[in-house]
Protein backbone atom coordinates (compact mmCIF):
# COMPACT_ATOMS: atom_id res chain seq x y z
CA MET A 1 -23.14 -9.38 -1.00
CA ILE A 2 -25.65 -8.85 1.64
CA LEU A 3 -24.99 -12.04 3.06
CA ALA A 4 -21.58 -11.69 3.10
CA SER A 5 -22.11 -8.59 5.53
CA VAL A 6 -24.91 -11.04 7.76
CA LEU A 7 -22.02 -13.76 8.07
CA ALA A 8 -19.75 -11.33 8.77
CA LEU A 9 -21.47 -9.67 11.30
CA VAL A 10 -22.49 -12.89 13.00
CA TYR A 11 -19.48 -14.53 12.33
CA TYR A 12 -17.32 -11.78 14.04
CA PRO A 13 -18.14 -11.18 17.45
CA LEU A 14 -18.10 -15.31 17.85
CA ALA A 15 -14.34 -15.25 16.47
CA THR A 16 -13.14 -11.98 18.72
CA ALA A 17 -15.48 -12.86 22.01
CA GLY A 18 -12.22 -13.38 24.68
CA ALA A 19 -9.35 -13.52 21.74
CA VAL A 20 -9.08 -9.52 21.54
CA LEU A 21 -5.06 -8.91 22.94
CA ASP A 22 -5.16 -4.63 22.44
CA ARG A 23 -1.68 -2.71 21.00
CA THR A 24 -1.73 -1.49 24.88
CA GLY A 25 -1.72 -4.33 26.26
CA TYR A 26 0.81 -6.48 23.51
CA GLU A 27 3.06 -3.51 24.63
CA ARG A 28 3.02 -4.02 27.91
CA LEU A 29 4.20 -7.68 27.91
CA ARG A 30 7.51 -7.94 28.61
CA LEU A 31 9.50 -10.85 28.36
CA GLY A 32 10.80 -12.99 30.89
CA GLU A 33 7.38 -12.33 32.94
CA PRO A 34 5.30 -15.44 34.41
CA ARG A 35 2.32 -16.66 31.91
CA ASP A 36 0.23 -16.58 34.88
CA GLY A 37 0.34 -13.02 35.95
CA LEU A 38 -0.01 -12.10 32.21
CA ASP A 39 -3.51 -11.00 32.48
CA LEU A 40 -4.57 -12.69 28.89
CA PRO A 41 -7.44 -13.03 26.77
CA ARG A 42 -9.56 -15.92 28.37
CA ARG A 43 -9.06 -17.76 25.20
CA GLN A 44 -6.93 -17.79 22.22
CA ALA A 45 -7.74 -16.58 18.35
CA ALA A 46 -6.60 -19.87 15.27
CA PRO A 47 -2.96 -20.06 14.38
CA PRO A 48 -2.83 -18.76 11.14
CA THR A 49 -0.96 -22.09 10.05
CA ASP A 50 -2.43 -26.15 10.93
CA ASP A 51 1.87 -26.62 12.75
CA PRO A 52 2.41 -23.82 14.71
CA PRO A 53 5.18 -23.93 17.16
CA ALA A 54 4.59 -25.42 20.35
CA GLY A 55 4.01 -23.26 23.88
CA CYS A 56 2.71 -20.57 21.18
CA GLU A 57 -0.94 -18.30 21.70
CA TYR A 58 -2.51 -16.48 19.43
CA TYR A 59 -4.70 -13.47 20.06
CA THR A 60 -6.33 -11.29 17.42
CA ASP A 61 -6.27 -7.08 17.53
CA GLY A 62 -10.08 -7.44 17.33
CA ASN A 63 -9.15 -6.27 13.16
CA PHE A 64 -13.15 -6.44 11.11
CA PRO A 65 -14.15 -8.59 10.12
CA PHE A 66 -12.28 -11.76 10.11
CA ALA A 67 -10.49 -11.42 13.63
CA GLU A 68 -7.57 -13.01 12.47
CA PRO A 69 -4.83 -13.78 14.40
CA THR A 70 -2.12 -10.28 14.80
CA TRP A 71 0.00 -11.77 18.16
CA ARG A 72 2.09 -14.65 18.68
CA LEU A 73 3.28 -15.13 22.51
CA CYS A 74 5.85 -17.89 22.58
CA PHE A 75 5.95 -19.35 26.20
CA THR A 76 8.98 -21.21 27.90
CA GLY A 77 9.49 -22.62 31.51
CA GLY A 78 5.88 -20.85 32.10
CA ARG A 79 7.44 -16.99 31.05
CA LEU A 80 7.43 -15.25 27.97
CA ALA A 81 10.18 -16.09 25.76
CA SER A 82 9.01 -14.43 22.83
CA LYS A 83 6.53 -11.78 21.28
CA GLU A 84 6.05 -11.02 17.64
CA ARG A 85 3.31 -9.29 15.92
CA ILE A 86 2.08 -11.64 12.80
CA THR A 87 2.25 -9.91 9.44
CA ARG A 88 -0.43 -10.93 6.75
């Protein structure tokens, strides 16, 4: 149990560093906006599948302890084409 707790405390900051998009940030995103103007986190979370759709990016809401991807944002022609919460 102690080892699992220590691993979670070490893994979590590494997994979330620069990949957290909070709910407020997600809700302010509007379809059609250019990707460059969205002020997204500097890096993405790992996709939840081995074969993610082309043009999509994944971010976490910072969920503890695993920092699983929470949001999927898909872009077409450099603009936000869809956004969704990923259900686990």
